[in-house]
Amino acid sequence: MWFSWVIIVLGYGLMIQLDEKSNTAEKVLYLLISAVGIGCLFQTPLIGLQAAMPLKDMATSTSTFGFIRTLGGTVGISVGQAILSGFLRRKGRSDPWPQH
């Protein structure tokens, strides 16, 4: 699990290096490194949770974990979209070709 965080940080650190001159291979490789790190974190907490729960609470804990993960994703996407929309709205209002 800790190794996954190292991979995510490495991938995001590499993505900071990207700019409009970066080639497609760099863009795909850096995103793939981050995706591998994120993918490793999907199942690991669930396995740990199931190992810690008694058998009678297995269904409840697993479904609660899925619900909280889905709810967190929904809130995260909503907040991210609100920030992006506000940023684009501000940029859209400014004059892209200022006259001097």
C-alpha atoms as a PDB file:
ATOM      1  CA  MET A   1       0.000   0.000   0.000  1.00  0.00           C
ATOM      2  CA  TRP A   2       2.817   2.416   0.820  1.00  0.00           C
ATOM      3  CA  PHE A   3       4.561   1.500  -2.426  1.00  0.00           C
ATOM      4  CA  SER A   4       1.428   2.582  -4.317  1.00  0.00           C
ATOM      5  CA  TRP A   5       1.659   6.059  -2.821  1.00  0.00           C
ATOM      6  CA  VAL A   6       5.290   6.297  -3.932  1.00  0.00           C
ATOM      7  CA  ILE A   7       4.262   5.353  -7.483  1.00  0.00           C
ATOM      8  CA  ILE A   8       1.439   7.926  -7.492  1.00  0.00           C
ATOM      9  CA  VAL A   9       3.734  10.701  -6.271  1.00  0.00           C
ATOM     10  CA  LEU A  10       6.337   9.726  -8.869  1.00  0.00           C
ATOM     11  CA  GLY A  11       3.743   9.779 -11.652  1.00  0.00           C
ATOM     12  CA  TYR A  12       2.278  13.117 -10.585  1.00  0.00           C
ATOM     13  CA  GLY A  13       5.766  14.556 -10.208  1.00  0.00           C
ATOM     14  CA  LEU A  14       6.569  13.495 -13.745  1.00  0.00           C
ATOM     15  CA  MET A  15       3.287  14.976 -15.022  1.00  0.00           C
ATOM     16  CA  ILE A  16       4.359  18.367 -13.659  1.00  0.00           C
ATOM     17  CA  GLN A  17       7.124  18.260 -16.283  1.00  0.00           C
ATOM     18  CA  LEU A  18       4.597  18.108 -19.146  1.00  0.00           C
ATOM     19  CA  ASP A  19       3.978  21.121 -21.345  1.00  0.00           C
ATOM     20  CA  GLU A  20       2.676  21.802 -24.846  1.00  0.00           C
ATOM     21  CA  LYS A  21       5.968  20.578 -26.355  1.00  0.00           C
ATOM     22  CA  SER A  22       5.820  17.140 -24.683  1.00  0.00           C
ATOM     23  CA  ASN A  23       5.402  14.226 -27.029  1.00  0.00           C
ATOM     24  CA  THR A  24       2.600  11.685 -26.840  1.00  0.00           C
ATOM     25  CA  ALA A  25       4.830   8.948 -25.415  1.00  0.00           C
ATOM     26  CA  GLU A  26       5.700  11.106 -22.385  1.00  0.00           C
ATOM     27  CA  LYS A  27       2.056  11.994 -21.799  1.00  0.00           C
ATOM     28  CA  VAL A  28       0.937   8.367 -21.933  1.00  0.00           C
ATOM     29  CA  LEU A  29       3.838   6.980 -19.886  1.00  0.00           C
ATOM     30  CA  TYR A  30       3.528   9.516 -17.060  1.00  0.00           C
ATOM     31  CA  LEU A  31      -0.227   8.975 -16.861  1.00  0.00           C
ATOM     32  CA  LEU A  32       0.292   5.195 -16.899  1.00  0.00           C
ATOM     33  CA  ILE A  33       2.712   5.402 -13.960  1.00  0.00           C
ATOM     34  CA  SER A  34       0.136   7.359 -11.939  1.00  0.00           C
ATOM     35  CA  ALA A  35      -2.646   4.999 -12.959  1.00  0.00           C
ATOM     36  CA  VAL A  36      -0.678   1.954 -11.781  1.00  0.00           C
ATOM     37  CA  GLY A  37      -0.220   3.568  -8.374  1.00  0.00           C
ATOM     38  CA  ILE A  38      -3.883   4.502  -8.110  1.00  0.00           C
ATOM     39  CA  GLY A  39      -4.993   1.074  -9.308  1.00  0.00           C
ATOM     40  CA  CYS A  40      -2.977  -0.648  -6.596  1.00  0.00           C
ATOM     41  CA  LEU A  41      -4.891   1.328  -3.974  1.00  0.00           C
ATOM     42  CA  PHE A  42      -8.356   0.193  -5.080  1.00  0.00           C
ATOM     43  CA  GLN A  43      -8.370  -3.314  -3.636  1.00  0.00           C
ATOM     44  CA  THR A  44      -5.817  -3.134  -0.821  1.00  0.00           C
ATOM     45  CA  PRO A  45      -7.910  -1.178   1.749  1.00  0.00           C
ATOM     46  CA  LEU A  46     -10.874  -3.483   1.137  1.00  0.00           C
ATOM     47  CA  ILE A  47      -8.773  -6.568   1.819  1.00  0.00           C
ATOM     48  CA  GLY A  48      -7.489  -4.992   5.036  1.00  0.00           C
ATOM     49  CA  LEU A  49     -11.015  -4.074   6.094  1.00  0.00           C
ATOM     50  CA  GLN A  50     -12.336  -7.569   5.433  1.00  0.00           C
ATOM     51  CA  ALA A  51      -9.441  -9.117   7.336  1.00  0.00           C
ATOM     52  CA  ALA A  52     -10.200  -6.963  10.375  1.00  0.00           C
ATOM     53  CA  MET A  53     -13.975  -7.582  10.450  1.00  0.00           C
ATOM     54  CA  PRO A  54     -15.709 -10.570  11.999  1.00  0.00           C
ATOM     55  CA  LEU A  55     -17.593 -12.772   9.532  1.00  0.00           C
ATOM     56  CA  LYS A  56     -21.005 -11.579  10.751  1.00  0.00           C
ATOM     57  CA  ASP A  57     -20.147  -7.952   9.811  1.00  0.00           C
ATOM     58  CA  MET A  58     -18.483  -8.731   6.480  1.00  0.00           C
ATOM     59  CA  ALA A  59     -21.398  -7.728   4.216  1.00  0.00           C
ATOM     60  CA  THR A  60     -22.131  -4.534   6.133  1.00  0.00           C
ATOM     61  CA  SER A  61     -18.530  -3.373   6.240  1.00  0.00           C
ATOM     62  CA  THR A  62     -17.911  -4.175   2.571  1.00  0.00           C
ATOM     63  CA  SER A  63     -21.027  -2.356   1.395  1.00  0.00           C
ATOM     64  CA  THR A  64     -20.295   0.638   3.652  1.00  0.00           C
ATOM     65  CA  PHE A  65     -16.773   0.805   2.261  1.00  0.00           C
ATOM     66  CA  GLY A  66     -18.145   0.813  -1.297  1.00  0.00           C
ATOM     67  CA  PHE A  67     -20.733   3.450  -0.424  1.00  0.00           C
ATOM     68  CA  ILE A  68     -18.187   5.768   1.188  1.00  0.00           C
ATOM     69  CA  ARG A  69     -15.791   5.334  -1.736  1.00  0.00           C
ATOM     70  CA  THR A  70     -18.565   6.157  -4.219  1.00  0.00           C
ATOM     71  CA  LEU A  71     -19.756   9.112  -2.171  1.00  0.00           C
ATOM     72  CA  GLY A  72     -16.204  10.442  -1.925  1.00  0.00           C
ATOM     73  CA  GLY A  73     -15.758  10.121  -5.676  1.00  0.00           C
ATOM     74  CA  THR A  74     -19.031  11.929  -6.307  1.00  0.00           C
ATOM     75  CA  VAL A  75     -18.140  14.820  -4.013  1.00  0.00           C
ATOM     76  CA  GLY A  76     -14.608  14.993  -5.417  1.00  0.00           C
ATOM     77  CA  ILE A  77     -15.815  15.116  -9.012  1.00  0.00           C
ATOM     78  CA  SER A  78     -18.468  17.733  -8.159  1.00  0.00           C
ATOM     79  CA  VAL A  79     -16.006  20.002  -6.377  1.00  0.00           C
ATOM     80  CA  GLY A  80     -13.424  19.560  -9.140  1.00  0.00           C
ATOM     81  CA  GLN A  81     -16.005  20.383 -11.810  1.00  0.00           C
ATOM     82  CA  ALA A  82     -17.138  23.498  -9.919  1.00  0.00           C
ATOM     83  CA  ILE A  83     -13.544  24.718  -9.649  1.00  0.00           C
ATOM     84  CA  LEU A  84     -12.841  23.991 -13.316  1.00  0.00           C
ATOM     85  CA  SER A  85     -16.055  25.680 -14.459  1.00  0.00           C
ATOM     86  CA  GLY A  86     -15.310  28.787 -12.405  1.00  0.00           C
ATOM     87  CA  PHE A  87     -11.775  28.935 -13.759  1.00  0.00           C
ATOM     88  CA  LEU A  88     -12.940  28.544 -17.364  1.00  0.00           C
ATOM     89  CA  ARG A  89     -15.696  31.122 -16.876  1.00  0.00           C
ATOM     90  CA  ARG A  90     -13.146  33.665 -15.599  1.00  0.00           C
ATOM     91  CA  LYS A  91     -10.754  32.896 -18.449  1.00  0.00           C
ATOM     92  CA  GLY A  92     -13.584  33.097 -20.985  1.00  0.00           C
ATOM     93  CA  ARG A  93     -14.506  36.616 -19.884  1.00  0.00           C
ATOM     94  CA  SER A  94     -11.003  38.003 -20.225  1.00  0.00           C
ATOM     95  CA  ASP A  95      -9.945  39.311 -23.609  1.00  0.00           C
ATOM     96  CA  PRO A  96      -7.636  36.744 -25.236  1.00  0.00           C
ATOM     97  CA  TRP A  97      -6.190  39.377 -27.612  1.00  0.00           C
ATOM     98  CA  PRO A  98      -5.562  42.526 -25.549  1.00  0.00           C
ATOM     99  CA  GLN A  99      -5.133  45.706 -27.587  1.00  0.00           C
ATOM    100  CA  HIS A 100      -2.188  47.923 -26.640  1.00  0.00           C
END
